[in-house]
C-alpha atoms as a PDB file:
ATOM      1  CA  MET A   1      -0.019   0.048   0.005  1.00  0.00           C
ATOM      2  CA  ILE A   2       1.411   3.410  -0.973  1.00  0.00           C
ATOM      3  CA  LYS A   3       1.768   5.735   2.022  1.00  0.00           C
ATOM      4  CA  GLN A   4       0.907   9.342   1.669  1.00  0.00           C
ATOM      5  CA  ILE A   5       2.448  12.252   3.521  1.00  0.00           C
ATOM      6  CA  PHE A   6       0.144  13.697   6.206  1.00  0.00           C
ATOM      7  CA  ALA A   7       0.955  17.448   5.714  1.00  0.00           C
ATOM      8  CA  ALA A   8      -0.500  18.831   8.799  1.00  0.00           C
ATOM      9  CA  SER A   9       1.077  16.606  11.429  1.00  0.00           C
ATOM     10  CA  LEU A  10       4.317  16.572   9.682  1.00  0.00           C
ATOM     11  CA  LEU A  11       4.615  20.196   9.597  1.00  0.00           C
ATOM     12  CA  VAL A  12       3.999  20.397  13.294  1.00  0.00           C
ATOM     13  CA  ALA A  13       6.679  17.662  13.911  1.00  0.00           C
ATOM     14  CA  ALA A  14       9.171  19.431  11.499  1.00  0.00           C
ATOM     15  CA  LEU A  15       8.740  22.749  13.167  1.00  0.00           C
ATOM     16  CA  ALA A  16       9.282  21.198  16.579  1.00  0.00           C
ATOM     17  CA  PHE A  17      12.264  19.446  15.255  1.00  0.00           C
ATOM     18  CA  ALA A  18      13.760  22.567  13.752  1.00  0.00           C
ATOM     19  CA  ALA A  19      13.906  24.033  17.177  1.00  0.00           C
ATOM     20  CA  CYS A  20      16.783  21.686  17.935  1.00  0.00           C
ATOM     21  CA  SER A  21      18.910  23.253  15.284  1.00  0.00           C
ATOM     22  CA  SER A  22      22.114  25.201  15.761  1.00  0.00           C
ATOM     23  CA  ALA A  23      24.586  27.134  13.535  1.00  0.00           C
ATOM     24  CA  LEU A  24      26.972  24.206  12.735  1.00  0.00           C
ATOM     25  CA  PRO A  25      27.600  23.079   9.168  1.00  0.00           C
ATOM     26  CA  ASN A  26      25.353  20.389   7.496  1.00  0.00           C
ATOM     27  CA  VAL A  27      26.310  16.885   6.813  1.00  0.00           C
ATOM     28  CA  GLN A  28      29.843  16.606   5.341  1.00  0.00           C
ATOM     29  CA  GLN A  29      30.664  12.940   5.630  1.00  0.00           C
ATOM     30  CA  ILE A  30      28.485   9.798   6.134  1.00  0.00           C
ATOM     31  CA  VAL A  31      29.289   6.159   7.110  1.00  0.00           C
ATOM     32  CA  PHE A  32      26.905   3.453   6.035  1.00  0.00           C
ATOM     33  CA  ILE A  33      26.504  -0.095   5.167  1.00  0.00           C
ATOM     34  CA  SER A  34      25.850  -1.851   1.728  1.00  0.00           C
ATOM     35  CA  ASP A  35      25.739  -5.284   0.308  1.00  0.00           C
ATOM     36  CA  ARG A  36      26.781  -4.191  -3.316  1.00  0.00           C
ATOM     37  CA  ASP A  37      29.764  -6.453  -3.051  1.00  0.00           C
ATOM     38  CA  GLY A  38      27.730  -9.563  -1.950  1.00  0.00           C
ATOM     39  CA  ASN A  39      27.854  -9.227   1.742  1.00  0.00           C
ATOM     40  CA  LEU A  40      27.363  -6.266   4.204  1.00  0.00           C
ATOM     41  CA  GLU A  41      30.300  -3.891   4.245  1.00  0.00           C
ATOM     42  CA  ILE A  42      30.898  -0.518   5.872  1.00  0.00           C
ATOM     43  CA  TYR A  43      31.246   2.460   3.390  1.00  0.00           C
ATOM     44  CA  LEU A  44      32.155   6.171   3.671  1.00  0.00           C
ATOM     45  CA  MET A  45      30.753   8.881   1.390  1.00  0.00           C
ATOM     46  CA  ASP A  46      30.570  12.707   1.313  1.00  0.00           C
ATOM     47  CA  GLY A  47      27.467  14.590   2.305  1.00  0.00           C
ATOM     48  CA  GLU A  48      26.189  14.652  -1.369  1.00  0.00           C
ATOM     49  CA  GLY A  49      26.685  10.954  -1.919  1.00  0.00           C
ATOM     50  CA  GLY A  50      30.053  11.226  -3.666  1.00  0.00           C
ATOM     51  CA  GLY A  51      33.346   9.446  -3.015  1.00  0.00           C
ATOM     52  CA  GLN A  52      31.651   6.191  -1.922  1.00  0.00           C
ATOM     53  CA  THR A  53      34.522   3.934  -0.454  1.00  0.00           C
ATOM     54  CA  ASN A  54      34.534   0.494   1.059  1.00  0.00           C
ATOM     55  CA  LEU A  55      36.127   0.567   4.509  1.00  0.00           C
ATOM     56  CA  THR A  56      35.981  -3.020   5.509  1.00  0.00           C
ATOM     57  CA  ASN A  57      36.562  -5.134   2.442  1.00  0.00           C
ATOM     58  CA  ASN A  58      36.294  -8.775   3.830  1.00  0.00           C
ATOM     59  CA  ALA A  59      33.982 -11.736   3.372  1.00  0.00           C
ATOM     60  CA  ALA A  60      32.172 -11.284   6.639  1.00  0.00           C
ATOM     61  CA  THR A  61      29.007  -9.513   7.629  1.00  0.00           C
ATOM     62  CA  ASP A  62      29.791  -6.064   9.077  1.00  0.00           C
ATOM     63  CA  ARG A  63      27.127  -4.148  10.911  1.00  0.00           C
ATOM     64  CA  LEU A  64      27.697  -0.534  11.726  1.00  0.00           C
ATOM     65  CA  GLY A  65      27.511   0.764  15.164  1.00  0.00           C
ATOM     66  CA  GLY A  66      28.434   4.324  15.837  1.00  0.00           C
ATOM     67  CA  ILE A  67      31.123   6.961  15.643  1.00  0.00           C
ATOM     68  CA  SER A  68      33.431   8.083  18.395  1.00  0.00           C
ATOM     69  CA  PRO A  69      32.745  11.627  19.975  1.00  0.00           C
ATOM     70  CA  ASN A  70      36.007  12.851  18.518  1.00  0.00           C
ATOM     71  CA  GLN A  71      35.008  11.561  15.039  1.00  0.00           C
ATOM     72  CA  GLN A  72      38.278   9.452  14.891  1.00  0.00           C
ATOM     73  CA  ARG A  73      36.902   5.871  15.153  1.00  0.00           C
ATOM     74  CA  ILE A  74      33.949   3.717  14.067  1.00  0.00           C
ATOM     75  CA  VAL A  75      32.567   0.862  16.293  1.00  0.00           C
ATOM     76  CA  PHE A  76      30.986  -1.970  14.569  1.00  0.00           C
ATOM     77  CA  ALA A  77      29.850  -5.561  14.935  1.00  0.00           C
ATOM     78  CA  SER A  78      31.249  -8.237  12.627  1.00  0.00           C
ATOM     79  CA  ASP A  79      30.946 -12.074  12.297  1.00  0.00           C
ATOM     80  CA  ARG A  80      34.441 -12.414  10.758  1.00  0.00           C
ATOM     81  CA  ALA A  81      35.541 -14.582  13.713  1.00  0.00           C
ATOM     82  CA  GLY A  82      32.594 -16.947  13.315  1.00  0.00           C
ATOM     83  CA  ASN A  83      30.096 -15.038  15.628  1.00  0.00           C
ATOM     84  CA  PHE A  84      29.313 -11.428  16.076  1.00  0.00           C
ATOM     85  CA  GLU A  85      31.896  -9.547  18.013  1.00  0.00           C
ATOM     86  CA  ILE A  86      32.637  -5.860  18.555  1.00  0.00           C
ATOM     87  CA  PHE A  87      35.491  -4.199  16.596  1.00  0.00           C
ATOM     88  CA  THR A  88      36.784  -0.588  16.170  1.00  0.00           C
ATOM     89  CA  MET A  89      38.737   0.979  13.363  1.00  0.00           C
ATOM     90  CA  ARG A  90      39.884   4.412  12.136  1.00  0.00           C
ATOM     91  CA  VAL A  91      37.386   6.267   9.949  1.00  0.00           C
ATOM     92  CA  ASP A  92      39.614   5.554   6.912  1.00  0.00           C
ATOM     93  CA  GLY A  93      39.188   1.719   7.653  1.00  0.00           C
ATOM     94  CA  THR A  94      42.723   1.258   9.087  1.00  0.00           C
ATOM     95  CA  ASP A  95      43.773  -0.092  12.499  1.00  0.00           C
ATOM     96  CA  VAL A  96      41.117  -2.559  13.113  1.00  0.00           C
ATOM     97  CA  VAL A  97      40.833  -3.489  16.863  1.00  0.00           C
ATOM     98  CA  ARG A  98      38.807  -6.493  18.218  1.00  0.00           C
ATOM     99  CA  VAL A  99      37.138  -5.421  21.441  1.00  0.00           C
ATOM    100  CA  THR A 100      35.050  -8.499  22.595  1.00  0.00           C
ATOM    101  CA  ASP A 101      36.215 -12.226  22.274  1.00  0.00           C
ATOM    102  CA  ASN A 102      33.596 -14.795  23.389  1.00  0.00           C
ATOM    103  CA  ALA A 103      31.105 -17.501  22.018  1.00  0.00           C
ATOM    104  CA  PHE A 104      28.134 -15.310  22.041  1.00  0.00           C
ATOM    105  CA  GLU A 105      26.653 -12.519  19.748  1.00  0.00           C
ATOM    106  CA  ASP A 106      27.705  -9.050  20.640  1.00  0.00           C
ATOM    107  CA  ILE A 107      25.798  -6.332  18.366  1.00  0.00           C
ATOM    108  CA  ASP A 108      24.518  -2.792  18.176  1.00  0.00           C
ATOM    109  CA  PRO A 109      27.570  -1.089  19.723  1.00  0.00           C
ATOM    110  CA  VAL A 110      27.633   2.691  20.253  1.00  0.00           C
ATOM    111  CA  TYR A 111      29.992   5.152  22.020  1.00  0.00           C
ATOM    112  CA  ASP A 112      28.933   6.961  24.800  1.00  0.00           C
ATOM    113  CA  PRO A 113      29.075  10.884  24.379  1.00  0.00           C
ATOM    114  CA  ASN A 114      32.015  11.250  26.921  1.00  0.00           C
ATOM    115  CA  ASN A 115      34.054   8.487  24.904  1.00  0.00           C
ATOM    116  CA  GLU A 116      34.507   6.297  28.061  1.00  0.00           C
ATOM    117  CA  PHE A 117      32.180   3.355  27.308  1.00  0.00           C
ATOM    118  CA  PHE A 118      30.485   1.365  24.703  1.00  0.00           C
ATOM    119  CA  ALA A 119      26.835   0.303  25.106  1.00  0.00           C
ATOM    120  CA  PHE A 120      26.042  -2.824  23.302  1.00  0.00           C
ATOM    121  CA  ALA A 121      23.413  -5.752  23.159  1.00  0.00           C
ATOM    122  CA  SER A 122      24.587  -9.490  23.750  1.00  0.00           C
ATOM    123  CA  ASP A 123      22.864 -12.777  24.242  1.00  0.00           C
ATOM    124  CA  ARG A 124      25.680 -14.012  26.583  1.00  0.00           C
ATOM    125  CA  ASP A 125      23.160 -14.409  29.473  1.00  0.00           C
ATOM    126  CA  GLY A 126      20.246 -15.603  27.482  1.00  0.00           C
ATOM    127  CA  PRO A 127      17.975 -13.273  25.595  1.00  0.00           C
ATOM    128  CA  PHE A 128      19.739 -10.200  24.176  1.00  0.00           C
ATOM    129  CA  GLN A 129      20.172  -7.561  26.906  1.00  0.00           C
ATOM    130  CA  ILE A 130      21.961  -4.109  26.955  1.00  0.00           C
ATOM    131  CA  TYR A 131      25.505  -4.049  28.404  1.00  0.00           C
ATOM    132  CA  ARG A 132      28.166  -1.475  28.936  1.00  0.00           C
ATOM    133  CA  MET A 133      31.920  -1.778  28.849  1.00  0.00           C
ATOM    134  CA  ASN A 134      35.186   0.255  28.836  1.00  0.00           C
ATOM    135  CA  LEU A 135      36.393   1.044  25.310  1.00  0.00           C
ATOM    136  CA  ASN A 136      39.130  -1.568  25.698  1.00  0.00           C
ATOM    137  CA  GLY A 137      36.542  -4.314  26.570  1.00  0.00           C
ATOM    138  CA  THR A 138      37.127  -4.548  30.167  1.00  0.00           C
ATOM    139  CA  GLY A 139      34.662  -3.817  33.110  1.00  0.00           C
ATOM    140  CA  THR A 140      31.506  -5.218  31.302  1.00  0.00           C
ATOM    141  CA  ALA A 141      28.330  -4.537  33.306  1.00  0.00           C
ATOM    142  CA  ARG A 142      24.795  -5.619  32.488  1.00  0.00           C
ATOM    143  CA  LEU A 143      22.321  -2.838  32.312  1.00  0.00           C
ATOM    144  CA  THR A 144      18.910  -4.628  31.619  1.00  0.00           C
ATOM    145  CA  THR A 145      17.413  -7.820  33.011  1.00  0.00           C
ATOM    146  CA  SER A 146      14.249  -8.322  31.129  1.00  0.00           C
ATOM    147  CA  ALA A 147      12.650 -11.657  29.833  1.00  0.00           C
ATOM    148  CA  GLY A 148      12.535 -10.286  26.339  1.00  0.00           C
ATOM    149  CA  ASP A 149      15.219  -8.983  23.872  1.00  0.00           C
ATOM    150  CA  ASP A 150      16.699  -5.742  24.543  1.00  0.00           C
ATOM    151  CA  THR A 151      18.644  -4.183  21.659  1.00  0.00           C
ATOM    152  CA  MET A 152      19.499  -0.968  19.737  1.00  0.00           C
ATOM    153  CA  PRO A 153      20.764   1.167  22.495  1.00  0.00           C
ATOM    154  CA  GLN A 154      21.453   4.935  21.765  1.00  0.00           C
ATOM    155  CA  TYR A 155      22.877   7.407  24.317  1.00  0.00           C
ATOM    156  CA  SER A 156      21.400  10.736  25.123  1.00  0.00           C
ATOM    157  CA  PRO A 157      23.582  13.717  23.986  1.00  0.00           C
ATOM    158  CA  ALA A 158      24.858  14.234  27.506  1.00  0.00           C
ATOM    159  CA  GLY A 159      25.157  10.479  28.146  1.00  0.00           C
ATOM    160  CA  ARG A 160      22.934  10.558  31.168  1.00  0.00           C
ATOM    161  CA  SER A 161      20.176   8.117  29.600  1.00  0.00           C
ATOM    162  CA  ILE A 162      20.005   5.322  26.968  1.00  0.00           C
ATOM    163  CA  VAL A 163      16.972   4.749  24.672  1.00  0.00           C
ATOM    164  CA  PHE A 164      16.603   1.260  23.555  1.00  0.00           C
ATOM    165  CA  VAL A 165      14.116  -1.405  21.966  1.00  0.00           C
ATOM    166  CA  SER A 166      12.719  -4.184  24.001  1.00  0.00           C
ATOM    167  CA  THR A 167      10.297  -6.956  23.370  1.00  0.00           C
ATOM    168  CA  ARG A 168       9.698  -7.603  27.218  1.00  0.00           C
ATOM    169  CA  ASP A 169       5.971  -6.830  26.809  1.00  0.00           C
ATOM    170  CA  GLY A 170       5.428  -9.071  23.712  1.00  0.00           C
ATOM    171  CA  GLN A 171       6.471  -6.877  20.735  1.00  0.00           C
ATOM    172  CA  SER A 172       9.054  -4.195  19.935  1.00  0.00           C
ATOM    173  CA  GLU A 173       8.687  -0.993  21.935  1.00  0.00           C
ATOM    174  CA  ILE A 174      10.836   1.967  22.754  1.00  0.00           C
ATOM    175  CA  TYR A 175      12.185   2.218  26.401  1.00  0.00           C
ATOM    176  CA  LYS A 176      14.422   4.550  28.155  1.00  0.00           C
ATOM    177  CA  MET A 177      16.687   4.092  31.133  1.00  0.00           C
ATOM    178  CA  LYS A 178      19.433   6.071  33.005  1.00  0.00           C
ATOM    179  CA  SER A 179      22.831   5.128  31.716  1.00  0.00           C
ATOM    180  CA  ASP A 180      23.512   2.906  34.721  1.00  0.00           C
ATOM    181  CA  GLY A 181      20.462   0.783  33.906  1.00  0.00           C
ATOM    182  CA  THR A 182      18.070   2.220  36.510  1.00  0.00           C
ATOM    183  CA  GLU A 183      14.764   3.831  36.075  1.00  0.00           C
ATOM    184  CA  VAL A 184      13.451   2.055  33.109  1.00  0.00           C
ATOM    185  CA  VAL A 185      10.449   3.710  31.507  1.00  0.00           C
ATOM    186  CA  ARG A 186       8.340   2.561  28.530  1.00  0.00           C
ATOM    187  CA  LEU A 187       7.994   5.356  25.879  1.00  0.00           C
ATOM    188  CA  THR A 188       5.792   3.757  23.126  1.00  0.00           C
ATOM    189  CA  ASP A 189       2.755   1.548  23.449  1.00  0.00           C
ATOM    190  CA  SER A 190       1.317   0.592  20.000  1.00  0.00           C
ATOM    191  CA  ALA A 191       0.103  -2.395  18.010  1.00  0.00           C
ATOM    192  CA  ALA A 192       2.964  -1.862  15.530  1.00  0.00           C
ATOM    193  CA  ASP A 193       6.625  -2.604  16.056  1.00  0.00           C
ATOM    194  CA  ASP A 194       8.597   0.459  17.400  1.00  0.00           C
ATOM    195  CA  THR A 195      12.279   0.287  16.578  1.00  0.00           C
ATOM    196  CA  MET A 196      15.504   2.212  15.694  1.00  0.00           C
ATOM    197  CA  PRO A 197      15.315   5.156  18.203  1.00  0.00           C
ATOM    198  CA  VAL A 198      17.854   8.001  18.132  1.00  0.00           C
ATOM    199  CA  TYR A 199      18.060  11.323  20.092  1.00  0.00           C
ATOM    200  CA  SER A 200      18.323  14.615  18.405  1.00  0.00           C
ATOM    201  CA  ARG A 201      21.929  15.948  18.789  1.00  0.00           C
ATOM    202  CA  ALA A 202      20.615  18.829  21.015  1.00  0.00           C
ATOM    203  CA  GLY A 203      18.395  16.502  23.009  1.00  0.00           C
ATOM    204  CA  GLY A 204      14.680  16.784  23.702  1.00  0.00           C
ATOM    205  CA  LYS A 205      13.437  14.823  20.695  1.00  0.00           C
ATOM    206  CA  ILE A 206      13.649  11.244  19.619  1.00  0.00           C
ATOM    207  CA  LEU A 207      13.049   9.880  16.059  1.00  0.00           C
ATOM    208  CA  TRP A 208      12.234   6.203  15.641  1.00  0.00           C
ATOM    209  CA  VAL A 209      10.617   3.849  13.197  1.00  0.00           C
ATOM    210  CA  ARG A 210       6.998   2.550  13.592  1.00  0.00           C
ATOM    211  CA  ASP A 211       6.019  -0.056  11.082  1.00  0.00           C
ATOM    212  CA  GLY A 212       8.212   1.218   8.227  1.00  0.00           C
ATOM    213  CA  GLU A 213       7.452   4.979   9.019  1.00  0.00           C
ATOM    214  CA  ILE A 214       9.456   7.582  10.670  1.00  0.00           C
ATOM    215  CA  TRP A 215       8.059   9.168  13.874  1.00  0.00           C
ATOM    216  CA  ILE A 216       9.015  11.838  16.479  1.00  0.00           C
ATOM    217  CA  MET A 217       8.384  12.322  20.121  1.00  0.00           C
ATOM    218  CA  ASN A 218       9.551  14.318  23.027  1.00  0.00           C
ATOM    219  CA  GLU A 219      12.342  12.314  25.000  1.00  0.00           C
ATOM    220  CA  ASP A 220       9.900  11.547  27.729  1.00  0.00           C
ATOM    221  CA  GLY A 221       7.485   9.824  25.231  1.00  0.00           C
ATOM    222  CA  THR A 222       4.920  12.619  24.945  1.00  0.00           C
ATOM    223  CA  ASN A 223       3.711  14.224  21.841  1.00  0.00           C
ATOM    224  CA  GLN A 224       4.180  11.297  19.511  1.00  0.00           C
ATOM    225  CA  LEU A 225       3.704  12.244  15.854  1.00  0.00           C
ATOM    226  CA  PRO A 226       4.380  10.968  12.323  1.00  0.00           C
ATOM    227  CA  PHE A 227       7.402  12.602  10.948  1.00  0.00           C
ATOM    228  CA  TYR A 228       7.728  11.298   7.514  1.00  0.00           C
ATOM    229  CA  MET A 229       5.485   8.862   5.774  1.00  0.00           C
ATOM    230  CA  VAL A 230       6.064   8.044   2.156  1.00  0.00           C
ATOM    231  CA  ALA A 231       5.975   5.033  -0.319  1.00  0.00           C
ATOM    232  CA  GLY A 232       7.950   2.083   0.865  1.00  0.00           C
ATOM    233  CA  ASP A 233       9.512   1.314   4.199  1.00  0.00           C
ATOM    234  CA  SER A 234      11.928   3.604   5.912  1.00  0.00           C
ATOM    235  CA  GLU A 235      14.654   2.729   8.468  1.00  0.00           C
ATOM    236  CA  TRP A 236      17.598   4.011  10.479  1.00  0.00           C
ATOM    237  CA  PRO A 237      16.792   7.722  10.823  1.00  0.00           C
ATOM    238  CA  GLU A 238      19.825   9.752  11.826  1.00  0.00           C
ATOM    239  CA  PHE A 239      20.083  13.466  12.775  1.00  0.00           C
ATOM    240  CA  SER A 240      22.545  15.787  11.327  1.00  0.00           C
ATOM    241  CA  ARG A 241      24.809  17.610  13.923  1.00  0.00           C
ATOM    242  CA  THR A 242      22.784  20.817  13.461  1.00  0.00           C
ATOM    243  CA  GLY A 243      19.325  19.173  13.618  1.00  0.00           C
ATOM    244  CA  SER A 244      18.433  20.779  10.217  1.00  0.00           C
ATOM    245  CA  GLN A 245      18.781  17.472   8.374  1.00  0.00           C
ATOM    246  CA  VAL A 246      17.729  13.868   8.618  1.00  0.00           C
ATOM    247  CA  LEU A 247      19.408  10.869   7.037  1.00  0.00           C
ATOM    248  CA  PHE A 248      17.393   7.705   6.520  1.00  0.00           C
ATOM    249  CA  ALA A 249      17.074   4.751   4.270  1.00  0.00           C
ATOM    250  CA  ASN A 250      14.016   3.717   2.161  1.00  0.00           C
ATOM    251  CA  ASP A 251      13.234   0.897  -0.169  1.00  0.00           C
ATOM    252  CA  ARG A 252      10.567   2.658  -2.386  1.00  0.00           C
ATOM    253  CA  THR A 253      12.795   2.036  -5.593  1.00  0.00           C
ATOM    254  CA  GLY A 254      12.975  -1.711  -4.814  1.00  0.00           C
ATOM    255  CA  SER A 255      16.097  -1.782  -2.922  1.00  0.00           C
ATOM    256  CA  PHE A 256      17.160   0.324   0.262  1.00  0.00           C
ATOM    257  CA  GLU A 257      18.790   3.604  -0.671  1.00  0.00           C
ATOM    258  CA  ILE A 258      19.976   6.537   1.613  1.00  0.00           C
ATOM    259  CA  TYR A 259      18.221   9.951   1.441  1.00  0.00           C
ATOM    260  CA  LYS A 260      18.919  13.368   3.113  1.00  0.00           C
ATOM    261  CA  MET A 261      16.088  15.486   4.135  1.00  0.00           C
ATOM    262  CA  ASN A 262      15.517  19.038   5.180  1.00  0.00           C
ATOM    263  CA  ALA A 263      13.977  18.652   8.575  1.00  0.00           C
ATOM    264  CA  THR A 264      11.794  21.755   8.224  1.00  0.00           C
ATOM    265  CA  THR A 265      10.540  21.509   4.701  1.00  0.00           C
ATOM    266  CA  LEU A 266      10.808  17.685   4.366  1.00  0.00           C
ATOM    267  CA  ASN A 267      12.489  18.162   0.954  1.00  0.00           C
ATOM    268  CA  GLU A 268      14.703  15.180   0.206  1.00  0.00           C
ATOM    269  CA  GLU A 269      17.449  13.951  -2.122  1.00  0.00           C
ATOM    270  CA  PRO A 270      18.749  10.516  -2.734  1.00  0.00           C
ATOM    271  CA  LEU A 271      22.491   9.979  -1.946  1.00  0.00           C
ATOM    272  CA  THR A 272      22.830   6.349  -3.168  1.00  0.00           C
ATOM    273  CA  ALA A 273      21.247   4.652  -6.202  1.00  0.00           C
ATOM    274  CA  GLY A 274      22.521   1.053  -5.923  1.00  0.00           C
ATOM    275  CA  PRO A 275      23.903  -1.395  -6.648  1.00  0.00           C
ATOM    276  CA  GLY A 276      22.419  -3.503  -3.758  1.00  0.00           C
ATOM    277  CA  ASN A 277      21.014  -2.255  -0.544  1.00  0.00           C
ATOM    278  CA  ASN A 278      22.348   0.895   1.155  1.00  0.00           C
ATOM    279  CA  SER A 279      21.361   1.552   4.653  1.00  0.00           C
ATOM    280  CA  SER A 280      22.162   2.417   8.261  1.00  0.00           C
ATOM    281  CA  PRO A 281      23.493   6.019   7.609  1.00  0.00           C
ATOM    282  CA  ARG A 282      25.650   7.492  10.506  1.00  0.00           C
ATOM    283  CA  VAL A 283      26.929  11.118  10.462  1.00  0.00           C
ATOM    284  CA  LEU A 284      30.744  11.194  10.671  1.00  0.00           C
ATOM    285  CA  LYS A 285      30.871  15.086  10.450  1.00  0.00           C
END
C-alpha cells in the first residue's frame, strides 16, 4: 500500500524538530552499510553521496554501530571470527581492533558521548540484553534484566540516559533508562513494532521507526507524531549535527537507498542509487 504524507502533522513535527537546530555546518561525511559487493560492508561517502569507499573489504558481515565523539573511530559488529563480535577502526578503515572475544553474539555497539564506554546488546546471558563496557573491552556490566530481547541502545547527547528497543511486553517497543540501567520507562505502546530510536543532537526529541514509517516524540515519550510517511519502508533515521537535516534509508525503488532530508521543509534528495541495498547511515561530520 502506498503511503501518503500527512501534511498537517508532519509540519508540526518538523517545526518542533527545527527548534533543535544550531549554527553548525550540515552533513559533510556519512558512514553507511551496503551489500553491493555480495555481503554487508561499511562504506564512507561525502554529504552529497560522492566518493563512496568500502572501508571493511572482507567476506564477513559487518554491521555499523556508531562514531566516536572525537570523530576518529568507528565501532561495529562483525562475524568475521565466526560469531558477531565488536570491533573498532579508524574512519579510513585502518587500525582494526577487536574489542570482544567470546562465544556469544555482541551487536549494536555505540560510543557514549564522553568517549568512556560502549553500550551494546549481547545474548551472553540468554535473551539479548543491554551491556556497558570500557573502550578496551574490560569492566563489562549488564544494564537490563528483562525476559525479552533488549537491543539498539542509543545514548542521549549528555550520556545520562539510554533509549533502546525491548520485546519484554510481547512486541518491539521503545524504552528509556538512566545510563546505569536504573529507572526504566516505556515510551511507546502501540500495536505496531517500534524500533531504531535515536536522540536529536541537542536533546529533547527522539526519532524512531514505527512499522516502516519515521515518527518523532519528546524524549519523555509525549507528543508522538508521524514525521515522514512515504511510499516504501523507511529505516535507520539519523540526525545531522545541526538538527537541520535527517538521514534515512527507504526501499521505495525496490532496494534500500539512503536519503537526506531537510527537517523543516521535508524536501529530500537521494544519496545512493544502488547497486544492492544501502542503509544504516551515520553522520561522521
